[in-house]
Amino acid sequence: MTGASGQMGREVLRETLTLPEVEWVRLLLTPRKRNDKLAKKLKKKYGGRIEVVRGKVSDRAACAALVEGADYVVHMAGVIPPAADEFPERSEECNRRGAVALIDAVKACSPQPKYIHISTVAVYGGRNEKHPFGRVGDPLLVAAYDRYAMDKLFAERYCLDAELENWVILRETAMLHPDMMANNISDGLIFHITPNSPLEWVSARDSGYLIRRILERDHAGEVPTFWKKIYDVGGGKKGRETGYDTFDDGFAMIGGSTEKFIRPHWLAARNFHGLWFYDADELEALFSYQRDGVKAYWQEIAKGHKIYALGRLVPAKLIDFFLFRRLLRHPNSPRRWVEEGDRARVTAAYGSPEAAAALSHDWKDYPLLAKGDFGDYDALRDEKNAVLLSHGYDESKPLERLEIGELRAAAAFRGGECLAEAYDGDPYKKLPWRCHDGHLFETSVYTVLKGGHWCPVCHQPAPWDFDRIAKFSPFVAQVWYDSHGKDEDLVYDLEEGRPTIRKVGEKA
């Protein structure tokens, strides 16, 4: 395992060691003092069932030592926002180069261990009330300047193209854990959440239980069709909220609410990430892991966390003034971008500086999905009522039964071509493709049609060029124009790590 010291990792480790058939678990721990303490604590509790390799996940020798002799490898290590925003080099080292090193180490083993790769909902980018539900195979439109999602997208593609014997990619949704409030009130990232962002939550505890169930059922030979697929990991209907009611649930624990602590113009209007998973029931049907509901979990963590004593001791007005208004000045806050004239990030978050200035300061003037302004909220959260995106082919057919003409039509739906002369029905065999811009690449039918991946140049930002791509790709356009105007003609980029923006056709 990598990432065993994180919120999900601790739960995965604990759950895994409840299985009597697990002889040992080997952990990769970075050489930090807190990991010295963790290693001693785990060795004391579990004895010889715990083995430790020290090193970074980008260290190829450490990865080789980690996976040697293993039956399963669970890759959970990640540098997440806001750390990924502040230290993009750490994100690149862990989320990108670390995944490459670990996958290469798995591939070099004989026999190969089964590889479980934890990805993220962030690869889908932002959604709103127009298409709140998403599923595996949807376009992957990473939010502009989201370094974490950009690196995780690259890692996914590397895994898919590595041709491992047995792999699975789990796209993890937003995660509930005991420290989530404390972790999110120290950075302007809290204001990136848009009020109508569909957010589907799953607890770290349920995520840990899911991995245990995967190991347990696979070891017993009960899930033979599980591997070599991508799945969305969510909490189901009881985990579905929006940005607005997520704030409401959390702030209620400290004596407040969304409308007491937050003003609508403080929050970004787009360019976040999150959606409700139409297909989270696929994993639930296999492993029965969805136990925690979002509202019940908030109540649970409120009982055991010191931060929630604030609500009983400090008036809401003081919390508002000294906590949330203070964060408006944080360098990662959208309102600070507005004040400083950061045109690139303001345009990404609001559409334009003018749109940011025009945004309502009063909640009564802001239409909200959570308040029924777009229809019955309870009904909208039911996947039976979902309006799904097209994937450009007949999904009633298994991939193995598609014909070459159907692959060519699917490629055209993405603005490009399938260059194969024939298709033998193997969805994991690499075929040649060409994108609209003429880039040639080879990847599998599964990667394109079920993974949602396309050209590794055009669709692997930076730069974020989706305004242009949407004009010739119906696949992208069907969701891009939910939050972007058809008259927008911009490229978002990073130059020496600094967000920039330019017109399509202008040189960087």
Protein backbone atom coordinates (compact mmCIF):
# COMPACT_ATOMS: atom_id res chain seq x y z
CA MET A 1 0.00 0.00 0.00
CA THR A 2 0.94 3.59 -0.62
CA GLY A 3 -0.83 6.43 1.17
CA ALA A 4 -1.58 4.41 4.31
CA SER A 5 -1.04 7.47 6.52
CA GLY A 6 -3.88 9.40 4.87
CA GLN A 7 -7.55 9.51 5.80
CA MET A 8 -8.59 6.77 3.39
CA GLY A 9 -5.34 4.87 3.83
CA ARG A 10 -5.77 4.45 7.57
CA GLU A 11 -9.23 2.98 7.03
CA VAL A 12 -8.04 0.68 4.24
CA LEU A 13 -5.18 -0.61 6.39
CA ARG A 14 -7.40 -1.19 9.41
CA GLU A 15 -10.05 -3.00 7.37
CA THR A 16 -7.52 -5.09 5.45
CA LEU A 17 -5.91 -6.36 8.63
CA THR A 18 -9.25 -7.68 9.85
CA LEU A 19 -9.03 -10.33 7.12
CA PRO A 20 -7.47 -13.54 8.49
CA GLU A 21 -6.23 -14.53 5.03
CA VAL A 22 -3.97 -11.45 4.89
CA GLU A 23 -0.55 -12.66 6.01
CA TRP A 24 1.20 -9.29 5.79
CA VAL A 25 0.76 -5.75 4.52
CA ARG A 26 3.79 -3.84 3.30
CA LEU A 27 3.59 -0.05 3.49
CA LEU A 28 5.54 2.65 1.69
CA LEU A 29 6.10 5.49 4.14
CA THR A 30 7.98 8.67 3.35
CA PRO A 31 10.94 9.44 5.64
CA ARG A 32 9.18 11.88 7.97
CA LYS A 33 9.13 11.98 11.77
CA ARG A 34 5.38 11.44 11.99
CA ASN A 35 5.78 8.32 9.86
CA ASP A 36 8.48 7.07 12.24
CA LYS A 37 5.87 7.21 15.00
CA LEU A 38 3.25 5.61 12.79
CA ALA A 39 5.55 2.72 11.86
CA LYS A 40 6.34 2.03 15.53
CA LYS A 41 2.67 2.18 16.46
CA LEU A 42 1.67 -0.22 13.70
CA LYS A 43 4.49 -2.67 14.42
CA LYS A 44 3.52 -2.69 18.09
CA LYS A 45 -0.11 -3.40 17.26
CA TYR A 46 0.23 -5.84 14.36
CA GLY A 47 3.74 -7.26 14.76
CA GLY A 48 5.05 -9.20 11.79
CA ARG A 49 1.90 -8.58 9.75
CA ILE A 50 3.24 -5.07 9.04
CA GLU A 51 6.29 -4.46 6.89
CA VAL A 52 7.60 -1.00 6.09
CA VAL A 53 9.57 0.35 3.14
CA ARG A 54 10.82 3.92 3.56
CA GLY A 55 10.97 6.25 0.57
CA LYS A 56 8.95 8.42 -1.76
CA VAL A 57 6.55 6.89 -4.24
CA SER A 58 8.58 8.49 -7.04
CA ASP A 59 11.61 6.40 -5.91
CA ARG A 60 11.75 3.46 -8.30
CA ALA A 61 13.89 1.33 -5.99
CA ALA A 62 11.46 1.87 -3.14
CA CYS A 63 8.51 0.94 -5.39
CA ALA A 64 10.27 -2.24 -6.51
CA ALA A 65 10.90 -3.24 -2.89
CA LEU A 66 7.30 -2.42 -1.99
CA VAL A 67 5.59 -4.63 -4.58
CA GLU A 68 7.95 -7.63 -4.54
CA GLY A 69 6.05 -10.79 -3.67
CA ALA A 70 2.71 -9.02 -3.21
CA ASP A 71 -0.64 -10.37 -4.37
CA TYR A 72 -2.27 -6.92 -4.46
CA VAL A 73 -0.99 -3.36 -4.68
CA VAL A 74 -3.26 -0.53 -3.49
CA HIS A 75 -2.08 2.91 -4.63
CA MET A 76 -3.64 5.67 -2.51
CA ALA A 77 -0.77 8.14 -2.13
CA GLY A 78 -1.61 11.63 -3.31
CA VAL A 79 -0.87 15.31 -2.79
CA ILE A 80 -4.30 16.94 -2.80
CA PRO A 81 -5.50 20.56 -2.84
CA PRO A 82 -4.75 22.97 -1.32
CA ALA A 83 -1.20 21.58 -0.99
CA ALA A 84 -1.22 20.64 -4.70
CA ASP A 85 -2.07 24.28 -5.56
CA GLU A 86 0.58 25.76 -3.32
CA PHE A 87 3.29 23.22 -4.11
CA PRO A 88 2.66 21.99 -7.68
CA GLU A 89 6.05 20.32 -7.79
CA ARG A 90 4.91 17.98 -5.01
CA SER A 91 1.79 17.11 -6.96
CA GLU A 92 3.84 16.35 -10.05
CA GLU A 93 6.29 14.20 -8.08
CA CYS A 94 3.69 12.15 -6.22
CA ASN A 95 0.54 12.17 -8.35
CA ARG A 96 2.27 11.82 -11.70
CA ARG A 97 5.83 10.49 -11.41
CA GLY A 98 4.95 8.41 -8.37
CA ALA A 99 2.15 6.62 -10.21
CA VAL A 100 4.45 5.96 -13.16
CA ALA A 101 7.17 4.48 -10.92
CA LEU A 102 4.71 2.25 -9.07
CA ILE A 103 2.94 1.00 -12.21
CA ASP A 104 6.30 0.22 -13.81
CA ALA A 105 7.30 -1.71 -10.69
CA VAL A 106 4.09 -3.75 -10.83
CA LYS A 107 4.59 -4.47 -14.53
CA ALA A 108 8.15 -5.71 -13.89
CA CYS A 109 6.95 -8.34 -11.38
CA SER A 110 6.51 -11.99 -12.33
CA PRO A 111 3.87 -12.91 -11.47
CA GLN A 112 2.25 -9.48 -11.47
CA PRO A 113 0.23 -8.42 -8.42
CA LYS A 114 -3.28 -7.12 -8.99
CA TYR A 115 -3.19 -3.34 -9.04
CA ILE A 116 -5.83 -1.05 -7.48
CA HIS A 117 -5.39 2.56 -8.57
CA ILE A 118 -7.23 5.30 -6.67
CA SER A 119 -8.17 8.18 -8.95
CA THR A 120 -10.56 11.07 -8.37
CA VAL A 121 -13.88 12.59 -9.38
CA ALA A 122 -11.86 15.73 -10.21
CA VAL A 123 -10.90 14.26 -13.61
CA TYR A 124 -14.47 14.95 -14.78
CA GLY A 125 -14.21 18.67 -14.02
CA GLY A 126 -17.19 20.83 -13.12
CA ARG A 127 -20.90 20.15 -13.46
CA ASN A 128 -24.01 22.13 -12.57
CA GLU A 129 -27.78 21.69 -12.50
CA LYS A 130 -27.96 21.02 -16.26
CA HIS A 131 -26.14 17.67 -16.16
CA PRO A 132 -25.54 16.87 -12.48
CA PHE A 133 -25.14 13.13 -13.10
CA GLY A 134 -22.05 11.61 -14.67
CA ARG A 135 -20.66 8.15 -15.29
CA VAL A 136 -17.63 6.29 -16.51
CA GLY A 137 -17.09 7.15 -20.17
CA ASP A 138 -18.10 10.82 -19.83
CA PRO A 139 -15.69 13.54 -21.07
CA LEU A 140 -12.75 14.25 -18.80
CA LEU A 141 -12.58 18.05 -18.61
CA VAL A 142 -10.23 18.91 -15.78
CA ALA A 143 -10.89 22.36 -14.29
CA ALA A 144 -8.48 25.09 -15.42
CA TYR A 145 -5.40 25.35 -13.20
CA ASP A 146 -6.30 22.24 -11.19
CA ARG A 147 -2.83 20.75 -10.94
CA TYR A 148 -3.97 17.83 -8.80
CA ALA A 149 -6.60 16.68 -11.30
CA MET A 150 -4.23 17.26 -14.21
CA ASP A 151 -1.61 14.97 -12.69
CA LYS A 152 -4.20 12.37 -11.67
CA LEU A 153 -5.57 12.36 -15.24
CA PHE A 154 -2.08 11.63 -16.55
CA ALA A 155 -1.66 8.81 -14.02
CA GLU A 156 -4.96 7.24 -15.07
CA ARG A 157 -3.97 7.27 -18.71
CA TYR A 158 -0.57 5.77 -17.89
CA CYS A 159 -2.27 2.94 -16.02
CA LEU A 160 -4.67 2.27 -18.88
CA ASP A 161 -1.88 2.22 -21.48
CA ALA A 162 0.50 0.10 -19.36
CA GLU A 163 -1.26 -3.15 -20.29
CA LEU A 164 -1.06 -4.63 -16.80
CA GLU A 165 -2.51 -8.11 -16.37
CA ASN A 166 -5.03 -7.16 -13.67
CA TRP A 167 -5.83 -3.56 -12.79
CA VAL A 168 -8.77 -1.47 -11.67
CA ILE A 169 -9.19 2.32 -11.48
CA LEU A 170 -11.47 3.65 -8.75
CA ARG A 171 -12.55 7.27 -9.24
CA GLU A 172 -13.13 8.35 -5.66
CA THR A 173 -15.69 11.05 -4.98
CA ALA A 174 -15.54 13.74 -2.26
CA MET A 175 -14.55 12.08 1.01
CA LEU A 176 -16.06 12.53 4.46
CA HIS A 177 -13.62 12.19 7.34
CA PRO A 178 -13.36 13.51 10.91
CA ASP A 179 -10.89 16.30 10.08
CA MET A 180 -12.64 17.62 6.97
CA MET A 181 -13.91 20.88 8.51
CA ALA A 182 -10.62 21.69 10.22
CA ASN A 183 -8.71 20.93 7.01
CA ASN A 184 -10.87 23.25 4.92
CA ILE A 185 -11.02 26.45 6.98
CA SER A 186 -7.41 27.46 6.52
CA ASP A 187 -7.30 28.18 2.79
CA GLY A 188 -9.22 30.12 0.15
CA LEU A 189 -9.92 26.79 -1.55
CA ILE A 190 -13.16 26.67 0.42
CA PHE A 191 -14.53 29.42 -1.87
CA HIS A 192 -13.83 27.43 -5.05
CA ILE A 193 -16.92 25.33 -4.32
CA THR A 194 -19.86 26.60 -6.35
CA PRO A 195 -23.31 26.69 -4.70
CA ASN A 196 -24.90 24.43 -7.32
CA SER A 197 -22.01 21.99 -7.69
CA PRO A 198 -23.43 18.47 -7.41
CA LEU A 199 -21.31 16.74 -4.77
CA GLU A 200 -21.64 13.07 -3.94
CA TRP A 201 -19.96 12.16 -0.67
CA VAL A 202 -18.58 8.87 0.57
CA SER A 203 -16.90 8.37 3.93
CA ALA A 204 -13.27 7.36 4.35
CA ARG A 205 -14.64 4.55 6.50
CA ASP A 206 -16.81 3.19 3.68
CA SER A 207 -13.95 3.60 1.22
CA GLY A 208 -11.74 1.48 3.48
CA TYR A 209 -14.47 -1.11 3.76
CA LEU A 210 -14.80 -1.19 -0.04
CA ILE A 211 -11.12 -2.12 -0.47
CA ARG A 212 -11.48 -4.82 2.17
CA ARG A 213 -14.50 -6.25 0.35
CA ILE A 214 -12.61 -6.20 -2.96
CA LEU A 215 -9.72 -8.17 -1.46
CA GLU A 216 -12.06 -10.52 0.38
CA ARG A 217 -14.37 -11.34 -2.53
CA ASP A 218 -11.59 -11.52 -5.12
CA HIS A 219 -9.52 -13.86 -2.95
CA ALA A 220 -12.59 -16.11 -2.71
CA GLY A 221 -13.00 -16.03 -6.51
CA GLU A 222 -16.41 -14.39 -6.30
CA VAL A 223 -15.90 -11.42 -8.69
CA PRO A 224 -14.22 -12.78 -11.84
CA THR A 225 -15.41 -9.89 -14.05
CA PHE A 226 -14.28 -7.11 -11.71
CA TRP A 227 -10.79 -6.39 -13.08
CA LYS A 228 -9.64 -4.28 -16.05
CA LYS A 229 -12.37 -1.68 -15.55
CA ILE A 230 -12.94 1.83 -14.23
CA TYR A 231 -15.53 2.42 -11.52
CA ASP A 232 -16.98 5.47 -9.82
CA VAL A 233 -16.88 5.31 -6.02
CA GLY A 234 -19.75 7.26 -4.45
CA GLY A 235 -22.18 7.17 -1.57
CA GLY A 236 -25.40 6.84 -3.55
CA LYS A 237 -28.46 9.00 -3.08
CA LYS A 238 -27.89 9.46 0.66
CA GLY A 239 -24.49 10.97 -0.16
CA ARG A 240 -25.76 13.47 -2.77
CA GLU A 241 -25.80 17.16 -1.97
CA THR A 242 -24.64 20.43 -3.55
CA GLY A 243 -22.05 22.95 -2.48
CA TYR A 244 -24.76 24.98 -0.75
CA ASP A 245 -26.14 22.25 1.52
CA THR A 246 -22.69 20.80 2.17
CA PHE A 247 -21.76 24.17 3.66
CA ASP A 248 -25.06 24.18 5.54
CA ASP A 249 -24.41 20.77 7.13
CA GLY A 250 -20.89 21.66 8.18
CA PHE A 251 -21.61 25.16 9.43
CA ALA A 252 -24.58 23.97 11.48
CA MET A 253 -22.10 22.16 13.68
CA ILE A 254 -20.50 25.49 14.69
CA GLY A 255 -23.75 27.36 15.17
CA GLY A 256 -24.12 28.79 11.68
CA SER A 257 -25.34 28.11 8.15
CA THR A 258 -24.35 28.84 4.58
CA GLU A 259 -26.27 32.12 4.59
CA LYS A 260 -24.87 33.20 7.97
CA PHE A 261 -21.23 32.63 7.06
CA ILE A 262 -21.00 32.93 3.27
CA ARG A 263 -22.13 35.45 0.64
CA PRO A 264 -22.89 34.12 -2.85
CA HIS A 265 -20.40 36.39 -4.62
CA TRP A 266 -17.58 35.00 -2.47
CA LEU A 267 -17.93 31.64 -4.20
CA ALA A 268 -16.79 30.74 -7.69
CA ALA A 269 -19.56 30.37 -10.26
CA ARG A 270 -17.83 27.58 -12.24
CA ASN A 271 -14.50 25.75 -12.73
CA PHE A 272 -14.80 23.49 -9.70
CA HIS A 273 -15.28 19.72 -9.84
CA GLY A 274 -17.99 17.36 -8.69
CA LEU A 275 -20.96 15.41 -9.94
CA TRP A 276 -23.46 12.80 -8.79
CA PHE A 277 -22.50 9.32 -9.90
CA TYR A 278 -25.11 7.62 -12.04
CA ASP A 279 -23.15 4.37 -11.87
CA ALA A 280 -21.96 4.14 -8.25
CA ASP A 281 -24.45 1.30 -7.83
CA GLU A 282 -22.18 -0.96 -9.91
CA LEU A 283 -19.65 -1.25 -7.10
CA GLU A 284 -22.40 -1.28 -4.49
CA ALA A 285 -23.98 -4.30 -6.18
CA LEU A 286 -20.65 -6.15 -6.05
CA PHE A 287 -19.41 -5.16 -2.60
CA SER A 288 -22.24 -3.60 -0.51
CA TYR A 289 -20.02 -0.88 0.92
CA GLN A 290 -22.31 2.21 1.11
CA ARG A 291 -23.22 2.45 4.79
CA ASP A 292 -22.70 6.09 5.85
CA GLY A 293 -25.07 8.88 4.81
CA VAL A 294 -23.70 12.42 4.57
CA LYS A 295 -26.01 14.05 7.12
CA ALA A 296 -25.63 11.26 9.68
CA TYR A 297 -21.85 11.38 9.27
CA TRP A 298 -21.74 15.13 9.93
CA GLN A 299 -23.61 14.54 13.18
CA GLU A 300 -21.19 11.81 14.13
CA ILE A 301 -18.03 13.81 13.59
CA ALA A 302 -19.54 16.81 15.38
CA LYS A 303 -19.67 14.81 18.60
CA GLY A 304 -15.98 14.04 18.62
CA HIS A 305 -14.20 17.10 17.27
CA LYS A 306 -13.04 20.08 19.28
CA ILE A 307 -13.74 22.58 16.51
CA TYR A 308 -17.47 22.13 16.93
CA ALA A 309 -17.29 23.49 20.47
CA LEU A 310 -16.92 26.88 18.77
CA GLY A 311 -20.62 26.89 18.00
CA ARG A 312 -21.46 26.72 21.69
CA LEU A 313 -18.84 29.17 22.88
CA VAL A 314 -18.48 31.85 20.19
CA PRO A 315 -21.30 33.87 18.56
CA ALA A 316 -21.85 33.17 14.86
CA LYS A 317 -21.10 36.79 13.94
CA LEU A 318 -17.62 36.52 15.43
CA ILE A 319 -16.93 33.24 13.66
CA ASP A 320 -18.05 34.88 10.42
CA PHE A 321 -15.82 37.90 10.92
CA PHE A 322 -12.65 36.30 12.25
CA LEU A 323 -12.73 33.06 10.29
CA PHE A 324 -14.48 33.30 6.92
CA ARG A 325 -13.91 36.97 6.15
CA ARG A 326 -10.25 36.47 7.00
CA LEU A 327 -10.07 33.73 4.36
CA LEU A 328 -11.29 36.15 1.69
CA ARG A 329 -7.79 37.66 1.77
CA HIS A 330 -6.08 34.30 1.26
CA PRO A 331 -4.11 34.10 -2.04
CA ASN A 332 -6.26 31.15 -3.11
CA SER A 333 -9.54 33.04 -2.64
CA PRO A 334 -11.52 34.04 -5.77
CA ARG A 335 -12.43 37.42 -4.25
CA ARG A 336 -8.76 38.23 -3.84
CA TRP A 337 -8.26 37.38 -7.52
CA VAL A 338 -11.03 39.86 -8.31
CA GLU A 339 -9.48 42.60 -6.18
CA GLU A 340 -6.02 42.06 -7.63
CA GLY A 341 -7.25 41.93 -11.22
CA ASP A 342 -6.10 38.35 -11.84
CA ARG A 343 -7.92 38.10 -15.17
CA ALA A 344 -6.96 34.50 -15.86
CA ARG A 345 -8.30 32.97 -12.66
CA VAL A 346 -11.28 35.35 -12.45
CA THR A 347 -12.36 34.40 -15.97
CA ALA A 348 -11.95 30.70 -15.20
CA ALA A 349 -14.02 31.01 -12.02
CA TYR A 350 -16.73 33.46 -13.15
CA GLY A 351 -16.67 33.77 -16.95
CA SER A 352 -15.25 37.30 -16.95
CA PRO A 353 -14.38 40.13 -14.53
CA GLU A 354 -17.71 41.72 -15.47
CA ALA A 355 -19.60 38.53 -14.55
CA ALA A 356 -17.79 38.42 -11.21
CA ALA A 357 -18.76 42.03 -10.50
CA ALA A 358 -22.41 41.37 -11.40
CA LEU A 359 -22.83 38.32 -9.17
CA SER A 360 -25.51 38.69 -6.50
CA HIS A 361 -24.49 39.59 -2.94
CA ASP A 362 -27.80 38.30 -1.54
CA TRP A 363 -28.90 34.68 -1.40
CA LYS A 364 -32.54 35.57 -2.14
CA ASP A 365 -31.46 36.53 -5.66
CA TYR A 366 -29.38 33.40 -6.27
CA PRO A 367 -31.21 30.37 -7.79
CA LEU A 368 -30.30 27.22 -5.89
CA LEU A 369 -30.58 23.59 -6.84
CA ALA A 370 -30.82 22.67 -3.14
CA LYS A 371 -33.86 24.91 -2.63
CA GLY A 372 -35.83 23.53 -5.55
CA ASP A 373 -35.31 26.45 -7.91
CA PHE A 374 -34.55 24.00 -10.75
CA GLY A 375 -37.19 21.41 -9.87
CA ASP A 376 -37.88 18.94 -7.08
CA TYR A 377 -34.54 18.52 -5.33
CA ASP A 378 -35.24 15.02 -4.04
CA ALA A 379 -36.33 13.84 -7.48
CA LEU A 380 -33.32 15.46 -9.16
CA ARG A 381 -30.97 13.47 -6.90
CA ASP A 382 -32.53 10.18 -8.00
CA GLU A 383 -30.47 8.54 -10.73
CA LYS A 384 -33.69 7.27 -12.34
CA ASN A 385 -34.34 10.86 -13.46
CA ALA A 386 -30.82 11.51 -14.72
CA VAL A 387 -30.20 13.14 -18.11
CA LEU A 388 -27.10 11.36 -19.36
CA LEU A 389 -24.45 12.45 -21.82
CA SER A 390 -23.97 10.58 -25.08
CA HIS A 391 -20.80 8.56 -25.56
CA GLY A 392 -21.21 8.41 -29.32
CA TYR A 393 -21.96 4.71 -29.83
CA ASP A 394 -24.64 2.13 -29.08
CA GLU A 395 -24.05 1.38 -25.41
CA SER A 396 -26.53 -1.48 -25.42
CA LYS A 397 -23.80 -3.46 -27.18
CA PRO A 398 -20.80 -4.87 -25.30
CA LEU A 399 -17.54 -3.36 -26.53
CA GLU A 400 -16.56 -6.76 -27.90
CA ARG A 401 -19.49 -6.67 -30.35
CA LEU A 402 -18.89 -3.24 -31.82
CA GLU A 403 -17.88 -3.03 -35.48
CA ILE A 404 -15.15 -0.89 -37.00
CA GLY A 405 -17.71 1.52 -38.48
CA GLU A 406 -19.08 2.17 -35.00
CA LEU A 407 -15.59 2.93 -33.69
CA ARG A 408 -15.08 5.37 -36.54
CA ALA A 409 -18.37 7.09 -35.71
CA ALA A 410 -17.39 7.32 -32.03
CA ALA A 411 -14.06 8.88 -33.01
CA ALA A 412 -15.84 11.40 -35.27
CA PHE A 413 -18.09 12.29 -32.30
CA ARG A 414 -14.87 13.27 -30.55
CA GLY A 415 -13.69 15.29 -33.54
CA GLY A 416 -11.20 12.74 -34.80
CA GLU A 417 -10.70 9.40 -36.53
CA CYS A 418 -10.16 5.72 -35.77
CA LEU A 419 -7.41 4.69 -38.19
CA ALA A 420 -7.67 0.93 -37.68
CA GLU A 421 -8.60 -1.09 -40.74
CA ALA A 422 -10.42 -3.66 -38.65
CA TYR A 423 -11.46 -4.42 -35.06
CA ASP A 424 -11.18 -7.97 -33.70
CA GLY A 425 -13.41 -7.39 -30.66
CA ASP A 426 -10.61 -7.05 -28.10
CA PRO A 427 -11.42 -3.80 -26.22
CA TYR A 428 -7.99 -3.77 -24.54
CA LYS A 429 -5.90 -4.05 -27.70
CA LYS A 430 -4.35 -0.76 -28.77
CA LEU A 431 -5.61 0.75 -32.02
CA PRO A 432 -4.39 3.81 -33.94
CA TRP A 433 -6.38 7.07 -33.63
CA ARG A 434 -6.01 10.66 -34.84
CA CYS A 435 -7.47 13.73 -33.16
CA HIS A 436 -8.84 16.84 -34.91
CA ASP A 437 -5.43 18.53 -34.67
CA GLY A 438 -3.68 15.64 -36.37
CA HIS A 439 -1.99 14.12 -33.32
CA LEU A 440 -1.51 10.38 -33.78
CA PHE A 441 -1.81 8.10 -30.77
CA GLU A 442 -2.45 4.47 -29.91
CA THR A 443 -4.75 3.35 -27.13
CA SER A 444 -7.47 0.82 -26.50
CA VAL A 445 -11.17 0.96 -27.30
CA TYR A 446 -11.81 0.65 -23.57
CA THR A 447 -9.68 3.72 -22.80
CA VAL A 448 -11.63 5.85 -25.28
CA LEU A 449 -15.18 4.58 -24.92
CA LYS A 450 -15.30 3.54 -21.27
CA GLY A 451 -12.47 5.64 -19.87
CA GLY A 452 -13.52 8.93 -21.49
CA HIS A 453 -9.91 9.62 -22.49
CA TRP A 454 -8.97 10.93 -25.92
CA CYS A 455 -5.90 12.65 -27.38
CA PRO A 456 -3.06 12.62 -24.81
CA VAL A 457 -1.87 15.99 -26.17
CA CYS A 458 -5.07 18.02 -26.62
CA HIS A 459 -6.97 16.53 -23.69
CA GLN A 460 -4.08 16.40 -21.23
CA PRO A 461 -3.90 20.00 -20.00
CA ALA A 462 -2.17 22.34 -19.71
CA PRO A 463 -3.12 24.27 -21.76
CA TRP A 464 -6.85 24.07 -21.18
CA ASP A 465 -8.14 24.51 -24.71
CA PHE A 466 -11.72 23.27 -24.37
CA ASP A 467 -13.37 26.44 -25.73
CA ARG A 468 -11.81 25.57 -29.10
CA ILE A 469 -12.19 21.79 -28.81
CA ALA A 470 -15.92 22.08 -28.05
CA LYS A 471 -16.46 23.71 -31.44
CA PHE A 472 -15.60 20.48 -33.30
CA SER A 473 -16.20 17.81 -30.64
CA PRO A 474 -19.89 17.12 -29.88
CA PHE A 475 -18.63 14.81 -27.13
CA VAL A 476 -17.09 17.79 -25.29
CA ALA A 477 -19.65 20.40 -26.36
CA GLN A 478 -22.62 18.61 -24.77
CA VAL A 479 -21.33 19.38 -21.29
CA TRP A 480 -18.86 22.23 -21.82
CA TYR A 481 -21.62 24.64 -22.81
CA ASP A 482 -23.49 23.98 -19.57
CA SER A 483 -21.17 26.50 -17.94
CA HIS A 484 -19.37 28.21 -20.85
CA GLY A 485 -20.67 30.45 -23.62
CA LYS A 486 -20.38 29.41 -27.24
CA ASP A 487 -18.79 32.79 -27.89
CA GLU A 488 -15.95 32.10 -25.44
CA ASP A 489 -12.69 31.65 -27.29
CA LEU A 490 -9.98 31.40 -24.66
CA VAL A 491 -7.01 29.21 -23.77
CA TYR A 492 -6.08 28.82 -20.10
CA ASP A 493 -2.44 28.01 -19.51
CA LEU A 494 0.39 27.89 -17.00
CA GLU A 495 3.58 29.78 -17.77
CA GLU A 496 6.31 29.05 -15.24
CA GLY A 497 3.56 27.95 -12.88
CA ARG A 498 1.61 31.20 -13.22
CA PRO A 499 -1.99 31.08 -14.54
CA THR A 500 -2.38 32.90 -17.85
CA ILE A 501 -5.12 33.40 -20.39
CA ARG A 502 -5.08 34.24 -24.10
CA LYS A 503 -7.32 34.20 -27.14
CA VAL A 504 -7.37 31.07 -29.26
CA GLY A 505 -4.74 31.50 -31.92
CA GLU A 506 -2.55 33.86 -29.89
CA LYS A 507 0.94 32.61 -29.15
CA ALA A 508 1.83 31.74 -25.56
